[in-house]
Amino acid sequence: MTDTQPRDLLPLTEPVFHILLALVDDERHGYAIMQEVRTRTEGDVNLAPGTLYGAIKRLRGLGLIEESDTRVDPELDDERRRYYRITGLGERVATAEASRIASLARQAAAKRLLPEWGAV
């Protein structure tokens, strides 16, 4: 995947973008990803296990995330849990997607579809 450019992988699906966002600031296991997304979106997005783990498999295959060997506290952690972290490419793709979405929001605001933004 060394020749892959972030824009080549856009647009991202909503679940994939949320997973990358969940991993930007910390390594997490699957259930923790689901909890972080639910909390951050105030319950608007709930990732079902099939959606989550299917997306994780695809993200790993694309080199956007990788499995981590580290554990927060091995004494308190279940060894069956798999922890994931975002890769450099994953961060670049997440940044490109955030920029794409921000551009769309600016365009919508210019068309007065987002009155709380005012004229941009």
N, C-alpha and C. Protein backbone atom coordinates (compact mmCIF):
# COMPACT_ATOMS: atom_id res chain seq x y z
N MET A 1 0.81 -1.19 0.00
CA MET A 1 0.00 0.00 0.00
C MET A 1 0.86 1.27 0.00
N THR A 2 2.14 1.15 -0.30
CA THR A 2 3.02 2.31 -0.23
C THR A 2 2.67 3.37 -1.27
N ASP A 3 2.04 2.98 -2.39
CA ASP A 3 1.68 3.94 -3.43
C ASP A 3 0.30 4.54 -3.21
N THR A 4 -0.42 4.10 -2.20
CA THR A 4 -1.76 4.58 -1.96
C THR A 4 -1.74 6.02 -1.45
N GLN A 5 -2.52 6.85 -2.11
CA GLN A 5 -2.70 8.24 -1.69
C GLN A 5 -4.00 8.32 -0.90
N PRO A 6 -4.05 9.12 0.15
CA PRO A 6 -5.28 9.22 0.95
C PRO A 6 -6.53 9.47 0.12
N ARG A 7 -6.44 10.37 -0.86
CA ARG A 7 -7.64 10.70 -1.67
C ARG A 7 -8.14 9.49 -2.46
N ASP A 8 -7.25 8.51 -2.72
CA ASP A 8 -7.67 7.31 -3.46
C ASP A 8 -8.66 6.48 -2.67
N LEU A 9 -8.71 6.67 -1.36
CA LEU A 9 -9.57 5.86 -0.49
C LEU A 9 -10.84 6.58 -0.06
N LEU A 10 -11.05 7.78 -0.59
CA LEU A 10 -12.23 8.56 -0.24
C LEU A 10 -13.33 8.39 -1.26
N PRO A 11 -14.57 8.58 -0.87
CA PRO A 11 -15.04 8.91 0.47
C PRO A 11 -15.07 7.66 1.35
N LEU A 12 -14.97 7.87 2.65
CA LEU A 12 -15.07 6.77 3.61
C LEU A 12 -16.53 6.58 3.98
N THR A 13 -16.88 5.36 4.35
CA THR A 13 -18.21 5.14 4.90
C THR A 13 -18.25 5.74 6.30
N GLU A 14 -19.44 6.03 6.77
CA GLU A 14 -19.59 6.61 8.11
C GLU A 14 -18.98 5.72 9.19
N PRO A 15 -19.26 4.40 9.21
CA PRO A 15 -18.63 3.57 10.24
C PRO A 15 -17.11 3.58 10.18
N VAL A 16 -16.53 3.54 9.00
CA VAL A 16 -15.08 3.54 8.86
C VAL A 16 -14.50 4.85 9.39
N PHE A 17 -15.11 5.97 9.06
CA PHE A 17 -14.61 7.26 9.54
C PHE A 17 -14.69 7.32 11.06
N HIS A 18 -15.78 6.85 11.63
CA HIS A 18 -15.92 6.85 13.09
C HIS A 18 -14.88 5.95 13.76
N ILE A 19 -14.57 4.83 13.16
CA ILE A 19 -13.55 3.95 13.73
C ILE A 19 -12.19 4.65 13.72
N LEU A 20 -11.85 5.27 12.60
CA LEU A 20 -10.57 5.99 12.53
C LEU A 20 -10.54 7.12 13.55
N LEU A 21 -11.63 7.86 13.68
CA LEU A 21 -11.69 8.93 14.69
C LEU A 21 -11.47 8.37 16.09
N ALA A 22 -12.04 7.22 16.37
CA ALA A 22 -11.90 6.61 17.70
C ALA A 22 -10.46 6.22 18.00
N LEU A 23 -9.70 5.94 16.95
CA LEU A 23 -8.32 5.48 17.15
C LEU A 23 -7.28 6.59 17.02
N VAL A 24 -7.69 7.79 16.64
CA VAL A 24 -6.73 8.87 16.45
C VAL A 24 -5.99 9.20 17.75
N ASP A 25 -6.69 9.19 18.87
CA ASP A 25 -6.06 9.63 20.11
C ASP A 25 -5.71 8.50 21.08
N ASP A 26 -6.02 7.25 20.73
CA ASP A 26 -5.71 6.16 21.65
C ASP A 26 -5.90 4.81 20.96
N GLU A 27 -5.14 3.83 21.43
CA GLU A 27 -5.37 2.45 21.00
C GLU A 27 -6.60 1.95 21.74
N ARG A 28 -7.41 1.16 21.04
CA ARG A 28 -8.64 0.65 21.66
C ARG A 28 -8.94 -0.76 21.16
N HIS A 29 -9.64 -1.51 21.97
CA HIS A 29 -10.16 -2.80 21.53
C HIS A 29 -11.55 -2.56 20.95
N GLY A 30 -12.10 -3.57 20.31
CA GLY A 30 -13.35 -3.41 19.58
C GLY A 30 -14.49 -2.81 20.39
N TYR A 31 -14.74 -3.37 21.58
CA TYR A 31 -15.84 -2.86 22.38
C TYR A 31 -15.60 -1.41 22.80
N ALA A 32 -14.36 -1.07 23.10
CA ALA A 32 -14.04 0.32 23.47
C ALA A 32 -14.26 1.26 22.29
N ILE A 33 -14.00 0.79 21.07
CA ILE A 33 -14.28 1.60 19.88
C ILE A 33 -15.79 1.86 19.80
N MET A 34 -16.58 0.81 19.98
CA MET A 34 -18.04 0.96 19.93
C MET A 34 -18.52 1.96 20.98
N GLN A 35 -17.99 1.87 22.20
CA GLN A 35 -18.39 2.78 23.27
C GLN A 35 -17.99 4.22 22.96
N GLU A 36 -16.76 4.42 22.47
CA GLU A 36 -16.28 5.77 22.17
C GLU A 36 -17.13 6.41 21.09
N VAL A 37 -17.48 5.65 20.05
CA VAL A 37 -18.32 6.20 18.97
C VAL A 37 -19.71 6.55 19.51
N ARG A 38 -20.28 5.67 20.29
CA ARG A 38 -21.62 5.92 20.86
C ARG A 38 -21.59 7.18 21.74
N THR A 39 -20.57 7.30 22.58
CA THR A 39 -20.47 8.46 23.47
C THR A 39 -20.24 9.74 22.68
N ARG A 40 -19.28 9.71 21.74
CA ARG A 40 -18.94 10.92 20.98
C ARG A 40 -20.12 11.42 20.15
N THR A 41 -20.94 10.48 19.65
CA THR A 41 -22.07 10.87 18.80
C THR A 41 -23.37 11.01 19.61
N GLU A 42 -23.24 10.96 20.93
CA GLU A 42 -24.40 11.06 21.82
C GLU A 42 -25.47 10.03 21.46
N GLY A 43 -25.03 8.83 21.10
CA GLY A 43 -25.95 7.74 20.80
C GLY A 43 -26.51 7.73 19.39
N ASP A 44 -26.14 8.70 18.57
CA ASP A 44 -26.65 8.74 17.19
C ASP A 44 -26.05 7.64 16.33
N VAL A 45 -24.85 7.19 16.64
CA VAL A 45 -24.20 6.12 15.87
C VAL A 45 -23.88 4.97 16.80
N ASN A 46 -24.46 3.83 16.52
CA ASN A 46 -24.18 2.61 17.26
C ASN A 46 -23.64 1.58 16.28
N LEU A 47 -22.38 1.22 16.44
CA LEU A 47 -21.78 0.24 15.54
C LEU A 47 -22.12 -1.17 16.01
N ALA A 48 -22.81 -1.91 15.18
CA ALA A 48 -23.10 -3.31 15.50
C ALA A 48 -21.80 -4.11 15.37
N PRO A 49 -21.67 -5.20 16.12
CA PRO A 49 -20.43 -5.98 16.05
C PRO A 49 -20.05 -6.40 14.63
N GLY A 50 -21.01 -6.82 13.83
CA GLY A 50 -20.71 -7.24 12.46
C GLY A 50 -20.16 -6.11 11.62
N THR A 51 -20.75 -4.94 11.78
CA THR A 51 -20.27 -3.75 11.06
C THR A 51 -18.87 -3.39 11.53
N LEU A 52 -18.69 -3.35 12.85
CA LEU A 52 -17.40 -2.97 13.43
C LEU A 52 -16.29 -3.91 12.98
N TYR A 53 -16.48 -5.21 13.18
CA TYR A 53 -15.38 -6.13 12.89
C TYR A 53 -15.16 -6.35 11.39
N GLY A 54 -16.21 -6.18 10.59
CA GLY A 54 -16.02 -6.21 9.14
C GLY A 54 -15.20 -5.02 8.69
N ALA A 55 -15.50 -3.85 9.26
CA ALA A 55 -14.74 -2.63 8.91
C ALA A 55 -13.30 -2.73 9.41
N ILE A 56 -13.11 -3.28 10.60
CA ILE A 56 -11.75 -3.45 11.13
C ILE A 56 -10.94 -4.34 10.20
N LYS A 57 -11.54 -5.41 9.73
CA LYS A 57 -10.84 -6.32 8.81
C LYS A 57 -10.42 -5.57 7.54
N ARG A 58 -11.33 -4.77 6.98
CA ARG A 58 -11.02 -4.00 5.76
C ARG A 58 -9.94 -2.96 6.04
N LEU A 59 -10.06 -2.26 7.16
CA LEU A 59 -9.08 -1.23 7.51
C LEU A 59 -7.69 -1.83 7.70
N ARG A 60 -7.62 -2.99 8.32
CA ARG A 60 -6.33 -3.66 8.48
C ARG A 60 -5.77 -4.05 7.11
N GLY A 61 -6.64 -4.56 6.24
CA GLY A 61 -6.21 -4.96 4.90
C GLY A 61 -5.68 -3.80 4.08
N LEU A 62 -6.23 -2.62 4.31
CA LEU A 62 -5.79 -1.41 3.60
C LEU A 62 -4.57 -0.76 4.25
N GLY A 63 -4.20 -1.24 5.42
CA GLY A 63 -3.06 -0.66 6.12
C GLY A 63 -3.39 0.63 6.86
N LEU A 64 -4.68 0.86 7.15
CA LEU A 64 -5.09 2.09 7.84
C LEU A 64 -5.04 1.92 9.36
N ILE A 65 -5.21 0.70 9.82
CA ILE A 65 -5.05 0.39 11.24
C ILE A 65 -4.25 -0.89 11.35
N GLU A 66 -3.71 -1.13 12.53
CA GLU A 66 -2.96 -2.36 12.78
C GLU A 66 -3.27 -2.84 14.19
N GLU A 67 -3.04 -4.12 14.39
CA GLU A 67 -3.23 -4.67 15.73
C GLU A 67 -2.04 -4.29 16.59
N SER A 68 -2.32 -3.98 17.83
CA SER A 68 -1.29 -3.58 18.78
C SER A 68 -1.05 -4.71 19.78
N ASP A 69 0.19 -4.86 20.22
CA ASP A 69 0.51 -5.86 21.23
C ASP A 69 0.45 -5.30 22.63
N THR A 70 0.35 -3.99 22.76
CA THR A 70 0.37 -3.39 24.09
C THR A 70 -0.98 -3.54 24.77
N ARG A 71 -0.94 -3.59 26.08
CA ARG A 71 -2.14 -3.66 26.91
C ARG A 71 -2.04 -2.57 27.96
N VAL A 72 -3.16 -1.91 28.23
CA VAL A 72 -3.18 -0.84 29.22
C VAL A 72 -2.71 -1.39 30.56
N ASP A 73 -3.32 -2.45 31.01
CA ASP A 73 -2.94 -3.11 32.26
C ASP A 73 -3.18 -4.60 32.08
N PRO A 74 -2.14 -5.36 31.78
CA PRO A 74 -2.30 -6.79 31.51
C PRO A 74 -3.01 -7.54 32.64
N GLU A 75 -2.87 -7.07 33.87
CA GLU A 75 -3.51 -7.72 35.01
C GLU A 75 -5.04 -7.58 34.96
N LEU A 76 -5.50 -6.47 34.43
CA LEU A 76 -6.94 -6.19 34.41
C LEU A 76 -7.59 -6.49 33.06
N ASP A 77 -6.79 -6.82 32.08
CA ASP A 77 -7.29 -6.95 30.72
C ASP A 77 -7.49 -8.41 30.34
N ASP A 78 -8.47 -8.65 29.51
CA ASP A 78 -8.73 -9.98 28.97
C ASP A 78 -7.78 -10.20 27.80
N GLU A 79 -6.97 -11.24 27.87
CA GLU A 79 -5.96 -11.47 26.83
C GLU A 79 -6.56 -11.76 25.46
N ARG A 80 -7.84 -12.09 25.41
CA ARG A 80 -8.49 -12.36 24.12
C ARG A 80 -8.79 -11.07 23.35
N ARG A 81 -8.80 -9.96 24.05
CA ARG A 81 -9.08 -8.68 23.38
C ARG A 81 -7.97 -8.33 22.42
N ARG A 82 -8.38 -7.82 21.27
CA ARG A 82 -7.43 -7.33 20.28
C ARG A 82 -7.50 -5.81 20.30
N TYR A 83 -6.34 -5.20 20.46
CA TYR A 83 -6.25 -3.74 20.46
C TYR A 83 -5.79 -3.28 19.09
N TYR A 84 -6.32 -2.13 18.66
CA TYR A 84 -6.00 -1.59 17.35
C TYR A 84 -5.49 -0.17 17.50
N ARG A 85 -4.62 0.22 16.58
CA ARG A 85 -4.12 1.59 16.52
C ARG A 85 -4.12 2.03 15.06
N ILE A 86 -4.25 3.33 14.90
CA ILE A 86 -4.25 3.91 13.56
C ILE A 86 -2.81 3.99 13.06
N THR A 87 -2.62 3.81 11.78
CA THR A 87 -1.29 3.92 11.16
C THR A 87 -1.11 5.34 10.62
N GLY A 88 0.09 5.63 10.17
CA GLY A 88 0.35 6.94 9.55
C GLY A 88 -0.56 7.16 8.35
N LEU A 89 -0.70 6.14 7.51
CA LEU A 89 -1.60 6.25 6.36
C LEU A 89 -3.03 6.46 6.83
N GLY A 90 -3.43 5.75 7.88
CA GLY A 90 -4.78 5.91 8.42
C GLY A 90 -5.04 7.32 8.88
N GLU A 91 -4.05 7.94 9.53
CA GLU A 91 -4.21 9.34 9.97
C GLU A 91 -4.33 10.27 8.77
N ARG A 92 -3.53 10.03 7.75
CA ARG A 92 -3.61 10.88 6.55
C ARG A 92 -4.97 10.73 5.86
N VAL A 93 -5.49 9.52 5.82
CA VAL A 93 -6.80 9.29 5.21
C VAL A 93 -7.90 9.94 6.04
N ALA A 94 -7.83 9.81 7.36
CA ALA A 94 -8.83 10.44 8.23
C ALA A 94 -8.79 11.96 8.08
N THR A 95 -7.59 12.52 7.99
CA THR A 95 -7.45 13.97 7.79
C THR A 95 -8.04 14.40 6.45
N ALA A 96 -7.77 13.63 5.41
CA ALA A 96 -8.31 13.95 4.08
C ALA A 96 -9.83 13.87 4.08
N GLU A 97 -10.39 12.88 4.78
CA GLU A 97 -11.85 12.75 4.85
C GLU A 97 -12.45 13.91 5.65
N ALA A 98 -11.81 14.28 6.75
CA ALA A 98 -12.31 15.42 7.54
C ALA A 98 -12.30 16.69 6.70
N SER A 99 -11.26 16.89 5.92
CA SER A 99 -11.18 18.07 5.04
C SER A 99 -12.27 18.03 3.97
N ARG A 100 -12.52 16.85 3.43
CA ARG A 100 -13.57 16.69 2.41
C ARG A 100 -14.93 17.05 3.00
N ILE A 101 -15.19 16.55 4.21
CA ILE A 101 -16.47 16.82 4.87
C ILE A 101 -16.60 18.30 5.21
N ALA A 102 -15.51 18.91 5.70
CA ALA A 102 -15.53 20.34 6.03
C ALA A 102 -15.82 21.17 4.78
N SER A 103 -15.24 20.78 3.65
CA SER A 103 -15.49 21.49 2.40
C SER A 103 -16.97 21.39 2.01
N LEU A 104 -17.54 20.21 2.16
CA LEU A 104 -18.96 20.04 1.86
C LEU A 104 -19.82 20.89 2.79
N ALA A 105 -19.45 20.94 4.07
CA ALA A 105 -20.20 21.75 5.03
C ALA A 105 -20.12 23.23 4.66
N ARG A 106 -18.94 23.71 4.24
CA ARG A 106 -18.81 25.11 3.82
C ARG A 106 -19.69 25.39 2.61
N GLN A 107 -19.74 24.44 1.67
CA GLN A 107 -20.58 24.63 0.49
C GLN A 107 -22.06 24.67 0.87
N ALA A 108 -22.46 23.79 1.80
CA ALA A 108 -23.85 23.78 2.26
C ALA A 108 -24.18 25.08 2.99
N ALA A 109 -23.24 25.58 3.78
CA ALA A 109 -23.46 26.84 4.48
C ALA A 109 -23.60 28.00 3.49
N ALA A 110 -22.79 27.99 2.45
CA ALA A 110 -22.88 29.04 1.43
C ALA A 110 -24.24 29.02 0.74
N LYS A 111 -24.86 27.86 0.68
CA LYS A 111 -26.19 27.73 0.09
C LYS A 111 -27.29 27.92 1.14
N ARG A 112 -26.89 28.35 2.32
CA ARG A 112 -27.80 28.62 3.43
C ARG A 112 -28.53 27.37 3.94
N LEU A 113 -27.89 26.24 3.80
CA LEU A 113 -28.46 25.00 4.34
C LEU A 113 -28.05 24.78 5.79
N LEU A 114 -27.06 25.53 6.24
CA LEU A 114 -26.60 25.45 7.63
C LEU A 114 -26.67 26.85 8.23
N PRO A 115 -27.88 27.29 8.59
CA PRO A 115 -28.03 28.68 9.04
C PRO A 115 -27.17 29.00 10.27
N GLU A 116 -26.88 28.03 11.12
CA GLU A 116 -26.08 28.31 12.31
C GLU A 116 -24.64 28.66 11.96
N TRP A 117 -24.20 28.36 10.74
CA TRP A 117 -22.85 28.72 10.29
C TRP A 117 -22.80 30.13 9.73
N GLY A 118 -23.94 30.68 9.36
CA GLY A 118 -23.95 32.00 8.72
C GLY A 118 -23.39 31.90 7.32
N ALA A 119 -23.26 33.00 6.65
CA ALA A 119 -22.70 33.01 5.31
C ALA A 119 -21.19 32.80 5.41
N VAL A 120 -20.69 31.85 4.68
CA VAL A 120 -19.26 31.53 4.70
C VAL A 120 -18.59 32.11 3.49
